[in-house]
Amino acid sequence: MRYNRLRSGAIKSFLTAVVEDLQGRLDLGEIKGLVVAGPGEAKGQLVEMLPIIWKEKLLGVVDISMQTPGGDLVKLGSVVTREERSAELHLTERLKGPERKWQ
């Protein structure tokens, strides 16, 4: 239990440092979208720690191996435009809405 607690603390500390480093380096006006990629569950924790304005630019979360070559990341991310993502979210919300009689 102690090991898990220390490991969780180390992961959270690392992710906090990543977010702080990104805030100092990125100009959000130039970024069209973000894709969070990597193995394991830390991606979800990182997404939760992102500032709201970055979450709005999040296009997706991709589960990939650490050995994936950098050039393959763009292919695996299947980055979509902001308009396409917005349309998908709109359709998803319509499906989640009140029950409708489909004909």
Protein backbone atom coordinates (compact mmCIF):
# COMPACT_ATOMS: atom_id res chain seq x y z
CA MET A 1 0.00 0.00 0.00
CA ARG A 2 2.83 2.36 0.80
CA TYR A 3 4.46 1.67 -2.56
CA ASN A 4 1.22 2.44 -4.40
CA ARG A 5 0.78 5.68 -2.46
CA LEU A 6 4.35 6.78 -3.23
CA ARG A 7 3.97 5.80 -6.88
CA SER A 8 0.68 7.71 -7.20
CA GLY A 9 2.32 10.76 -5.63
CA ALA A 10 5.28 10.54 -8.02
CA ILE A 11 2.97 10.26 -11.04
CA LYS A 12 0.90 13.23 -9.92
CA SER A 13 4.05 15.28 -9.29
CA PHE A 14 5.38 14.41 -12.76
CA LEU A 15 2.10 15.29 -14.48
CA THR A 16 1.93 18.59 -12.60
CA ALA A 17 5.44 19.40 -13.83
CA VAL A 18 4.42 18.49 -17.40
CA VAL A 19 1.39 20.83 -17.31
CA GLU A 20 3.48 23.66 -15.83
CA ASP A 21 6.18 23.15 -18.46
CA LEU A 22 3.62 23.20 -21.27
CA GLN A 23 2.05 26.38 -19.92
CA GLY A 24 5.41 28.09 -20.16
CA ARG A 25 6.16 26.87 -23.69
CA LEU A 26 2.92 26.77 -25.64
CA ASP A 27 1.10 29.62 -27.27
CA LEU A 28 -2.49 28.40 -27.32
CA GLY A 29 -3.43 30.84 -30.06
CA GLU A 30 -1.28 28.89 -32.51
CA ILE A 31 -2.47 25.42 -31.47
CA LYS A 32 -5.41 24.00 -33.42
CA GLY A 33 -5.84 20.95 -31.23
CA LEU A 34 -4.23 18.59 -28.74
CA VAL A 35 -3.93 14.81 -28.79
CA VAL A 36 -2.78 13.08 -25.60
CA ALA A 37 -1.03 9.80 -26.40
CA GLY A 38 0.78 7.14 -24.41
CA PRO A 39 0.33 3.86 -22.54
CA GLY A 40 -1.58 3.26 -19.34
CA GLU A 41 -3.94 5.33 -17.24
CA ALA A 42 -1.82 8.44 -16.72
CA LYS A 43 -3.30 10.00 -19.87
CA GLY A 44 -6.65 10.37 -18.11
CA GLN A 45 -4.99 11.97 -15.10
CA LEU A 46 -3.13 14.39 -17.38
CA VAL A 47 -6.34 15.37 -19.17
CA GLU A 48 -8.03 16.05 -15.82
CA MET A 49 -5.15 18.35 -14.82
CA LEU A 50 -5.24 20.43 -18.01
CA PRO A 51 -6.59 23.97 -17.82
CA ILE A 52 -10.13 24.35 -19.20
CA ILE A 53 -8.97 26.23 -22.30
CA TRP A 54 -6.70 23.28 -23.20
CA LYS A 55 -9.48 20.77 -22.59
CA GLU A 56 -11.54 22.64 -25.17
CA LYS A 57 -8.79 22.03 -27.73
CA LEU A 58 -8.49 18.33 -26.87
CA LEU A 59 -9.17 16.25 -29.98
CA GLY A 60 -8.61 12.85 -28.48
CA VAL A 61 -6.75 10.45 -26.23
CA VAL A 62 -4.80 7.64 -27.93
CA ASP A 63 -3.47 4.52 -26.20
CA ILE A 64 -0.09 3.63 -27.76
CA SER A 65 3.16 1.94 -26.85
CA MET A 66 6.19 3.90 -25.62
CA GLN A 67 8.21 2.31 -28.45
CA THR A 68 6.05 3.90 -31.17
CA PRO A 69 8.26 5.99 -33.49
CA GLY A 70 7.59 9.73 -33.47
CA GLY A 71 6.63 9.76 -37.14
CA ASP A 72 3.86 7.24 -36.51
CA LEU A 73 2.24 9.36 -33.80
CA VAL A 74 0.61 11.69 -36.31
CA LYS A 75 -0.84 8.74 -38.23
CA LEU A 76 -2.14 7.08 -35.06
CA GLY A 77 -3.65 10.29 -33.73
CA SER A 78 -5.94 10.64 -36.77
CA VAL A 79 -6.21 14.33 -36.01
CA VAL A 80 -9.53 15.82 -37.09
CA THR A 81 -10.42 19.43 -37.62
CA ARG A 82 -12.16 21.40 -34.90
CA GLU A 83 -15.34 21.59 -36.98
CA GLU A 84 -15.48 17.82 -37.44
CA ARG A 85 -14.97 17.27 -33.72
CA SER A 86 -17.67 19.81 -32.88
CA ALA A 87 -20.11 18.08 -35.23
CA GLU A 88 -19.34 14.70 -33.63
CA LEU A 89 -19.94 16.09 -30.14
CA HIS A 90 -23.23 17.65 -31.26
CA LEU A 91 -24.46 14.33 -32.69
CA THR A 92 -23.36 12.49 -29.55
CA GLU A 93 -25.33 14.89 -27.35
CA ARG A 94 -28.40 14.42 -29.56
CA LEU A 95 -28.13 10.64 -29.12
CA LYS A 96 -27.83 11.03 -25.34
CA GLY A 97 -30.89 13.32 -25.26
CA PRO A 98 -34.40 12.31 -24.26
CA GLU A 99 -35.74 9.13 -25.79
CA ARG A 100 -37.13 9.62 -29.24
CA LYS A 101 -39.28 7.38 -31.34
CA TRP A 102 -37.14 6.40 -34.29
CA GLN A 103 -39.07 5.64 -37.44
